Amino acid sequence: MEEERKEKDHKKTEPGKIKDLGYYFLNVLSAKAWSYMGLIAHPENNEFRIDLEECRKAIDLYSAIFEYLRSELSPEEKKDLEIHLANMQLNYVEKTKKPS
């Protein structure tokens, strides 16, 4: 029994890669951007609230993290993230054109 426990201790999980953490950040920033555009409810309070300055910050950070991770991404991953970024940017521009 003791030997089995020692063997399990030696088979520890590898630490997560920064790329994976980057994906997590991109998902969080994406959710914040969409919620600050008023297109989805904020997960914290389930309310709709538009704040285009906060939205712009979320999109800018998304873009910066995406650019940093770009060299580690497959062509398919790059394409998916580029499309998602473009959709957020286009929706943001549309929201800024509408009168409040």
N, C-alpha and C. Protein backbone atom coordinates (compact mmCIF):
# COMPACT_ATOMS: atom_id res chain seq x y z
N MET A 1 0.82 -1.19 0.00
CA MET A 1 0.00 0.00 0.00
C MET A 1 0.87 1.26 0.00
N GLU A 2 1.87 1.26 0.83
CA GLU A 2 2.79 2.40 0.91
C GLU A 2 3.53 2.60 -0.40
N GLU A 3 3.89 1.51 -1.05
CA GLU A 3 4.61 1.58 -2.34
C GLU A 3 3.72 2.22 -3.41
N GLU A 4 2.43 1.87 -3.42
CA GLU A 4 1.50 2.44 -4.39
C GLU A 4 1.37 3.94 -4.21
N ARG A 5 1.30 4.38 -2.97
CA ARG A 5 1.19 5.80 -2.68
C ARG A 5 2.44 6.54 -3.15
N LYS A 6 3.59 5.98 -2.91
CA LYS A 6 4.84 6.60 -3.34
C LYS A 6 4.91 6.68 -4.86
N GLU A 7 4.41 5.63 -5.54
CA GLU A 7 4.41 5.62 -7.00
C GLU A 7 3.49 6.73 -7.53
N LYS A 8 2.33 6.89 -6.92
CA LYS A 8 1.39 7.95 -7.34
C LYS A 8 1.99 9.32 -7.11
N ASP A 9 2.73 9.51 -6.03
CA ASP A 9 3.36 10.79 -5.74
C ASP A 9 4.37 11.15 -6.83
N HIS A 10 5.03 10.16 -7.41
CA HIS A 10 6.03 10.41 -8.44
C HIS A 10 5.39 10.72 -9.79
N LYS A 11 4.13 10.35 -9.97
CA LYS A 11 3.42 10.59 -11.23
C LYS A 11 2.56 11.85 -11.10
N LYS A 12 3.16 12.94 -10.75
CA LYS A 12 2.42 14.18 -10.55
C LYS A 12 2.04 14.80 -11.89
N THR A 13 1.02 15.58 -11.87
CA THR A 13 0.54 16.27 -13.05
C THR A 13 1.53 17.36 -13.45
N GLU A 14 1.73 17.47 -14.74
CA GLU A 14 2.60 18.53 -15.26
C GLU A 14 1.90 19.88 -15.08
N PRO A 15 2.67 20.91 -14.82
CA PRO A 15 2.05 22.24 -14.71
C PRO A 15 1.46 22.67 -16.05
N GLY A 16 0.42 23.48 -15.97
CA GLY A 16 -0.21 23.97 -17.18
C GLY A 16 0.72 24.87 -17.97
N LYS A 17 0.53 24.89 -19.26
CA LYS A 17 1.34 25.73 -20.15
C LYS A 17 0.77 27.15 -20.18
N ILE A 18 1.63 28.10 -20.44
CA ILE A 18 1.20 29.50 -20.52
C ILE A 18 0.21 29.69 -21.67
N LYS A 19 0.38 28.94 -22.74
CA LYS A 19 -0.56 29.01 -23.86
C LYS A 19 -1.98 28.71 -23.37
N ASP A 20 -2.11 27.70 -22.52
CA ASP A 20 -3.43 27.35 -21.99
C ASP A 20 -4.00 28.46 -21.11
N LEU A 21 -3.14 29.06 -20.33
CA LEU A 21 -3.56 30.18 -19.50
C LEU A 21 -3.97 31.37 -20.38
N GLY A 22 -3.23 31.56 -21.47
CA GLY A 22 -3.59 32.62 -22.43
C GLY A 22 -4.97 32.41 -23.00
N TYR A 23 -5.30 31.15 -23.35
CA TYR A 23 -6.65 30.85 -23.85
C TYR A 23 -7.69 31.19 -22.79
N TYR A 24 -7.40 30.88 -21.55
CA TYR A 24 -8.33 31.20 -20.47
C TYR A 24 -8.55 32.71 -20.41
N PHE A 25 -7.46 33.48 -20.46
CA PHE A 25 -7.57 34.94 -20.43
C PHE A 25 -8.39 35.44 -21.61
N LEU A 26 -8.14 34.88 -22.80
CA LEU A 26 -8.89 35.30 -23.98
C LEU A 26 -10.38 35.05 -23.81
N ASN A 27 -10.74 33.92 -23.23
CA ASN A 27 -12.16 33.63 -23.00
C ASN A 27 -12.78 34.60 -22.01
N VAL A 28 -12.06 34.92 -20.95
CA VAL A 28 -12.57 35.87 -19.95
C VAL A 28 -12.74 37.25 -20.58
N LEU A 29 -11.72 37.70 -21.31
CA LEU A 29 -11.79 39.02 -21.93
C LEU A 29 -12.88 39.09 -22.99
N SER A 30 -13.06 38.01 -23.72
CA SER A 30 -14.13 37.96 -24.71
C SER A 30 -15.50 38.10 -24.05
N ALA A 31 -15.71 37.36 -22.98
CA ALA A 31 -16.99 37.45 -22.26
C ALA A 31 -17.22 38.86 -21.73
N LYS A 32 -16.16 39.48 -21.21
CA LYS A 32 -16.30 40.85 -20.69
C LYS A 32 -16.61 41.83 -21.83
N ALA A 33 -15.95 41.67 -22.96
CA ALA A 33 -16.22 42.57 -24.10
C ALA A 33 -17.67 42.46 -24.54
N TRP A 34 -18.16 41.24 -24.74
CA TRP A 34 -19.54 41.06 -25.17
C TRP A 34 -20.52 41.61 -24.13
N SER A 35 -20.21 41.39 -22.86
CA SER A 35 -21.14 41.88 -21.83
C SER A 35 -21.10 43.40 -21.73
N TYR A 36 -19.93 44.01 -21.90
CA TYR A 36 -19.86 45.47 -21.86
C TYR A 36 -20.44 46.12 -23.12
N MET A 37 -20.64 45.34 -24.16
CA MET A 37 -21.38 45.85 -25.33
C MET A 37 -22.88 45.73 -25.10
N GLY A 38 -23.26 45.07 -24.02
CA GLY A 38 -24.68 44.90 -23.72
C GLY A 38 -25.31 43.76 -24.51
N LEU A 39 -24.49 42.89 -25.10
CA LEU A 39 -25.02 41.82 -25.93
C LEU A 39 -25.26 40.53 -25.15
N ILE A 40 -24.61 40.39 -24.02
CA ILE A 40 -24.89 39.29 -23.10
C ILE A 40 -24.91 39.86 -21.69
N ALA A 41 -25.57 39.16 -20.79
CA ALA A 41 -25.63 39.62 -19.40
C ALA A 41 -24.27 39.43 -18.73
N HIS A 42 -23.97 40.33 -17.82
CA HIS A 42 -22.73 40.20 -17.04
C HIS A 42 -22.87 38.98 -16.13
N PRO A 43 -21.87 38.10 -16.15
CA PRO A 43 -21.98 36.88 -15.34
C PRO A 43 -22.03 37.15 -13.83
N GLU A 44 -21.48 38.28 -13.40
CA GLU A 44 -21.44 38.57 -11.97
C GLU A 44 -22.82 38.87 -11.38
N ASN A 45 -23.67 39.56 -12.17
CA ASN A 45 -24.96 39.98 -11.62
C ASN A 45 -26.15 39.68 -12.55
N ASN A 46 -25.86 39.06 -13.69
CA ASN A 46 -26.89 38.70 -14.66
C ASN A 46 -27.65 39.92 -15.20
N GLU A 47 -27.00 41.07 -15.21
CA GLU A 47 -27.61 42.30 -15.73
C GLU A 47 -26.94 42.71 -17.03
N PHE A 48 -27.68 43.47 -17.84
CA PHE A 48 -27.14 44.02 -19.08
C PHE A 48 -26.69 45.45 -18.80
N ARG A 49 -25.46 45.76 -19.17
CA ARG A 49 -24.93 47.09 -18.93
C ARG A 49 -23.94 47.41 -20.03
N ILE A 50 -24.09 48.57 -20.65
CA ILE A 50 -23.17 48.98 -21.71
C ILE A 50 -22.14 49.94 -21.14
N ASP A 51 -20.88 49.63 -21.38
CA ASP A 51 -19.76 50.49 -21.02
C ASP A 51 -18.70 50.29 -22.10
N LEU A 52 -18.75 51.15 -23.12
CA LEU A 52 -17.90 50.95 -24.28
C LEU A 52 -16.42 51.18 -23.99
N GLU A 53 -16.10 51.97 -22.99
CA GLU A 53 -14.70 52.15 -22.61
C GLU A 53 -14.13 50.84 -22.04
N GLU A 54 -14.89 50.20 -21.18
CA GLU A 54 -14.46 48.91 -20.64
C GLU A 54 -14.40 47.85 -21.75
N CYS A 55 -15.35 47.91 -22.65
CA CYS A 55 -15.37 46.99 -23.78
C CYS A 55 -14.10 47.15 -24.62
N ARG A 56 -13.73 48.40 -24.92
CA ARG A 56 -12.54 48.67 -25.71
C ARG A 56 -11.29 48.12 -25.02
N LYS A 57 -11.21 48.30 -23.72
CA LYS A 57 -10.06 47.78 -22.96
C LYS A 57 -9.99 46.26 -23.07
N ALA A 58 -11.14 45.60 -22.95
CA ALA A 58 -11.17 44.13 -23.05
C ALA A 58 -10.71 43.66 -24.43
N ILE A 59 -11.17 44.34 -25.47
CA ILE A 59 -10.78 43.98 -26.83
C ILE A 59 -9.29 44.25 -27.05
N ASP A 60 -8.80 45.37 -26.55
CA ASP A 60 -7.37 45.69 -26.70
C ASP A 60 -6.49 44.66 -25.99
N LEU A 61 -6.89 44.26 -24.79
CA LEU A 61 -6.13 43.24 -24.07
C LEU A 61 -6.20 41.88 -24.78
N TYR A 62 -7.38 41.55 -25.29
CA TYR A 62 -7.54 40.32 -26.07
C TYR A 62 -6.56 40.33 -27.23
N SER A 63 -6.52 41.44 -27.95
CA SER A 63 -5.64 41.56 -29.11
C SER A 63 -4.17 41.42 -28.71
N ALA A 64 -3.77 42.04 -27.61
CA ALA A 64 -2.37 41.98 -27.16
C ALA A 64 -1.98 40.55 -26.77
N ILE A 65 -2.86 39.86 -26.05
CA ILE A 65 -2.56 38.49 -25.64
C ILE A 65 -2.54 37.57 -26.86
N PHE A 66 -3.48 37.78 -27.76
CA PHE A 66 -3.51 36.99 -28.99
C PHE A 66 -2.21 37.18 -29.78
N GLU A 67 -1.76 38.40 -29.93
CA GLU A 67 -0.51 38.66 -30.66
C GLU A 67 0.68 37.99 -29.98
N TYR A 68 0.69 38.01 -28.67
CA TYR A 68 1.78 37.38 -27.94
C TYR A 68 1.80 35.86 -28.15
N LEU A 69 0.62 35.25 -28.20
CA LEU A 69 0.52 33.80 -28.35
C LEU A 69 0.60 33.33 -29.81
N ARG A 70 0.49 34.24 -30.75
CA ARG A 70 0.37 33.92 -32.17
C ARG A 70 1.38 32.87 -32.65
N SER A 71 2.64 33.01 -32.24
CA SER A 71 3.69 32.10 -32.74
C SER A 71 3.51 30.66 -32.25
N GLU A 72 2.74 30.46 -31.21
CA GLU A 72 2.53 29.12 -30.66
C GLU A 72 1.24 28.47 -31.16
N LEU A 73 0.50 29.17 -31.98
CA LEU A 73 -0.81 28.68 -32.41
C LEU A 73 -0.74 27.98 -33.76
N SER A 74 -1.61 27.00 -33.93
CA SER A 74 -1.74 26.34 -35.23
C SER A 74 -2.48 27.30 -36.17
N PRO A 75 -2.38 27.06 -37.47
CA PRO A 75 -3.11 27.93 -38.41
C PRO A 75 -4.62 27.97 -38.12
N GLU A 76 -5.19 26.85 -37.74
CA GLU A 76 -6.63 26.81 -37.43
C GLU A 76 -6.94 27.64 -36.18
N GLU A 77 -6.11 27.51 -35.15
CA GLU A 77 -6.32 28.30 -33.93
C GLU A 77 -6.20 29.79 -34.24
N LYS A 78 -5.20 30.16 -35.02
CA LYS A 78 -5.03 31.58 -35.39
C LYS A 78 -6.27 32.10 -36.10
N LYS A 79 -6.75 31.33 -37.07
CA LYS A 79 -7.92 31.75 -37.84
C LYS A 79 -9.13 31.93 -36.94
N ASP A 80 -9.38 30.97 -36.06
CA ASP A 80 -10.54 31.05 -35.15
C ASP A 80 -10.45 32.29 -34.26
N LEU A 81 -9.27 32.54 -33.69
CA LEU A 81 -9.11 33.68 -32.79
C LEU A 81 -9.17 35.00 -33.55
N GLU A 82 -8.63 35.02 -34.78
CA GLU A 82 -8.71 36.23 -35.60
C GLU A 82 -10.15 36.57 -35.94
N ILE A 83 -10.93 35.56 -36.30
CA ILE A 83 -12.35 35.77 -36.62
C ILE A 83 -13.09 36.29 -35.39
N HIS A 84 -12.81 35.69 -34.25
CA HIS A 84 -13.48 36.12 -33.02
C HIS A 84 -13.11 37.57 -32.68
N LEU A 85 -11.84 37.91 -32.81
CA LEU A 85 -11.39 39.28 -32.56
C LEU A 85 -12.06 40.26 -33.53
N ALA A 86 -12.10 39.90 -34.81
CA ALA A 86 -12.73 40.76 -35.81
C ALA A 86 -14.22 40.96 -35.49
N ASN A 87 -14.90 39.91 -35.07
CA ASN A 87 -16.32 40.03 -34.71
C ASN A 87 -16.52 40.98 -33.54
N MET A 88 -15.65 40.88 -32.54
CA MET A 88 -15.76 41.80 -31.40
C MET A 88 -15.51 43.24 -31.86
N GLN A 89 -14.48 43.43 -32.68
CA GLN A 89 -14.15 44.78 -33.15
C GLN A 89 -15.27 45.37 -33.98
N LEU A 90 -15.86 44.58 -34.88
CA LEU A 90 -16.96 45.07 -35.72
C LEU A 90 -18.18 45.42 -34.88
N ASN A 91 -18.50 44.58 -33.91
CA ASN A 91 -19.63 44.87 -33.04
C ASN A 91 -19.38 46.12 -32.20
N TYR A 92 -18.14 46.29 -31.76
CA TYR A 92 -17.78 47.48 -30.99
C TYR A 92 -17.98 48.74 -31.84
N VAL A 93 -17.51 48.71 -33.08
CA VAL A 93 -17.66 49.86 -33.97
C VAL A 93 -19.14 50.16 -34.18
N GLU A 94 -19.95 49.14 -34.39
CA GLU A 94 -21.38 49.34 -34.56
C GLU A 94 -22.00 49.98 -33.32
N LYS A 95 -21.59 49.54 -32.15
CA LYS A 95 -22.13 50.09 -30.90
C LYS A 95 -21.73 51.56 -30.74
N THR A 96 -20.52 51.93 -31.17
CA THR A 96 -20.08 53.32 -31.02
C THR A 96 -20.81 54.24 -31.99
N LYS A 97 -21.33 53.71 -33.06
CA LYS A 97 -22.07 54.52 -34.05
C LYS A 97 -23.49 54.84 -33.59
N LYS A 98 -24.04 53.96 -32.73
CA LYS A 98 -25.42 54.14 -32.28
C LYS A 98 -25.49 55.20 -31.19
N PRO A 99 -26.50 56.07 -31.27
CA PRO A 99 -26.66 57.05 -30.17
C PRO A 99 -27.07 56.34 -28.89
N SER A 100 -26.56 56.82 -27.76
CA SER A 100 -26.86 56.19 -26.47
C SER A 100 -28.26 56.47 -26.02
